[in-house]
């Protein structure tokens, strides 16, 4: 296992010949703030954020923890969703995160797939 919620070593991004997955994610920073971003390689991006070489916002706020993850087939869909999440209030983002956690507890997939 990769140690990242919702990820396994055989996920699509690491399998040649398949379209890359576009992820939208929410991180919780060490100061309790939330950061939303997108990537095609969630493992690499988390490592960057936690090494202090991610985005400017998280550089002074790491370590970070992945709290929410969604998958999209296209970059455009992922970017659109990232913008939509960034427009949410903090309480709305926490509800989204809570929904992800409830899905994990109930045995469902902990990341949402959009095709």
Protein backbone atom coordinates (compact mmCIF):
# COMPACT_ATOMS: atom_id res chain seq x y z
CA UNK A 1 0.00 0.00 0.00
CA UNK A 2 1.13 3.54 -0.66
CA UNK A 3 0.13 4.98 2.72
CA UNK A 4 -2.17 7.52 1.07
CA UNK A 5 -5.90 7.23 1.76
CA UNK A 6 -7.71 5.76 -1.20
CA UNK A 7 -4.54 4.80 -3.04
CA UNK A 8 -2.99 1.51 -3.96
CA UNK A 9 0.23 0.80 -5.80
CA UNK A 10 -1.73 -0.26 -8.89
CA UNK A 11 -3.65 2.98 -9.37
CA UNK A 12 -4.04 4.26 -12.91
CA UNK A 13 -1.48 7.05 -12.78
CA UNK A 14 1.31 4.52 -12.32
CA UNK A 15 0.09 2.13 -15.03
CA UNK A 16 1.43 2.83 -18.53
CA UNK A 17 -1.04 3.15 -21.37
CA UNK A 18 -3.92 4.48 -19.34
CA UNK A 19 -5.07 8.07 -19.13
CA UNK A 20 -3.73 9.94 -16.10
CA UNK A 21 -6.13 10.63 -13.28
CA UNK A 22 -6.70 14.24 -12.30
CA UNK A 23 -7.09 14.67 -8.56
CA UNK A 24 -8.63 17.50 -6.56
CA UNK A 25 -7.60 17.42 -2.94
CA UNK A 26 -8.02 19.22 0.35
CA UNK A 27 -5.13 19.31 2.81
CA UNK A 28 -5.18 20.28 6.46
CA UNK A 29 -2.09 22.27 7.36
CA UNK A 30 -0.31 22.12 10.72
CA UNK A 31 -1.95 25.43 11.72
CA UNK A 32 -5.42 23.97 11.06
CA UNK A 33 -6.04 25.86 7.83
CA UNK A 34 -7.26 24.10 4.70
CA UNK A 35 -5.62 24.12 1.27
CA UNK A 36 -7.27 22.94 -1.96
CA UNK A 37 -5.31 21.96 -5.06
CA UNK A 38 -5.19 19.62 -8.05
CA UNK A 39 -2.59 17.24 -9.45
CA UNK A 40 -2.13 14.18 -11.64
CA UNK A 41 0.17 12.53 -9.08
CA UNK A 42 -1.19 12.78 -5.55
CA UNK A 43 1.68 10.87 -3.93
CA UNK A 44 4.33 13.15 -5.45
CA UNK A 45 2.32 16.28 -4.65
CA UNK A 46 1.87 15.32 -0.99
CA UNK A 47 5.59 14.64 -0.73
CA UNK A 48 6.29 18.09 -2.20
CA UNK A 49 3.91 19.81 0.22
CA UNK A 50 5.45 17.95 3.17
CA UNK A 51 9.00 18.73 2.06
CA UNK A 52 8.25 22.45 1.99
CA UNK A 53 8.53 22.65 -1.80
CA UNK A 54 4.82 22.56 -2.61
CA UNK A 55 2.96 25.80 -3.14
CA UNK A 56 3.78 29.07 -1.41
CA UNK A 57 0.81 28.70 0.97
CA UNK A 58 1.86 25.34 2.43
CA UNK A 59 5.61 26.06 2.59
CA UNK A 60 5.32 27.59 6.04
CA UNK A 61 2.46 25.34 7.14
CA UNK A 62 3.74 21.80 6.72
CA UNK A 63 3.38 19.00 7.58
CA UNK A 64 0.03 18.68 5.87
CA UNK A 65 -2.48 15.83 5.93
CA UNK A 66 -4.72 14.71 3.09
CA UNK A 67 -8.34 15.15 4.17
CA UNK A 68 -10.33 14.83 0.94
CA UNK A 69 -9.64 13.42 -2.53
CA UNK A 70 -11.70 13.38 -5.73
CA UNK A 71 -10.85 11.94 -9.16
CA UNK A 72 -11.67 13.44 -12.55
CA UNK A 73 -11.08 12.17 -16.06
CA UNK A 74 -9.92 15.53 -17.44
CA UNK A 75 -7.79 18.42 -16.27
CA UNK A 76 -10.60 20.84 -17.12
CA UNK A 77 -13.05 19.03 -14.84
CA UNK A 78 -10.51 18.94 -12.02
CA UNK A 79 -9.67 22.65 -12.36
CA UNK A 80 -13.35 23.56 -12.41
CA UNK A 81 -13.96 21.52 -9.24
CA UNK A 82 -10.88 23.03 -7.54
CA UNK A 83 -12.27 26.52 -8.17
CA UNK A 84 -15.70 25.48 -6.88
CA UNK A 85 -14.20 24.06 -3.67
CA UNK A 86 -12.04 27.15 -3.15
CA UNK A 87 -15.23 29.25 -3.25
CA UNK A 88 -16.80 27.24 -0.43
CA UNK A 89 -16.74 28.54 3.11
CA UNK A 90 -14.53 26.80 5.65
CA UNK A 91 -17.59 25.17 7.23
CA UNK A 92 -18.72 23.86 3.83
CA UNK A 93 -15.25 22.43 3.20
CA UNK A 94 -15.34 20.74 6.61
CA UNK A 95 -18.70 19.18 5.70
CA UNK A 96 -17.17 17.88 2.46
CA UNK A 97 -14.28 16.40 4.45
CA UNK A 98 -16.71 14.92 6.98
CA UNK A 99 -18.58 13.24 4.11
CA UNK A 100 -15.31 11.69 2.91
CA UNK A 101 -14.54 10.41 6.40
CA UNK A 102 -18.04 8.94 6.77
CA UNK A 103 -17.58 7.10 3.48
CA UNK A 104 -14.34 5.57 4.85
CA UNK A 105 -15.99 4.51 8.10
CA UNK A 106 -18.93 2.91 6.32
CA UNK A 107 -16.57 0.86 4.14
CA UNK A 108 -17.24 2.79 0.95
CA UNK A 109 -14.59 4.22 -1.30
CA UNK A 110 -12.94 7.20 0.32
CA UNK A 111 -12.48 9.14 -2.87
CA UNK A 112 -15.09 10.24 -5.31
CA UNK A 113 -14.81 9.27 -8.94
CA UNK A 114 -16.21 11.46 -11.68
CA UNK A 115 -16.27 10.25 -15.25
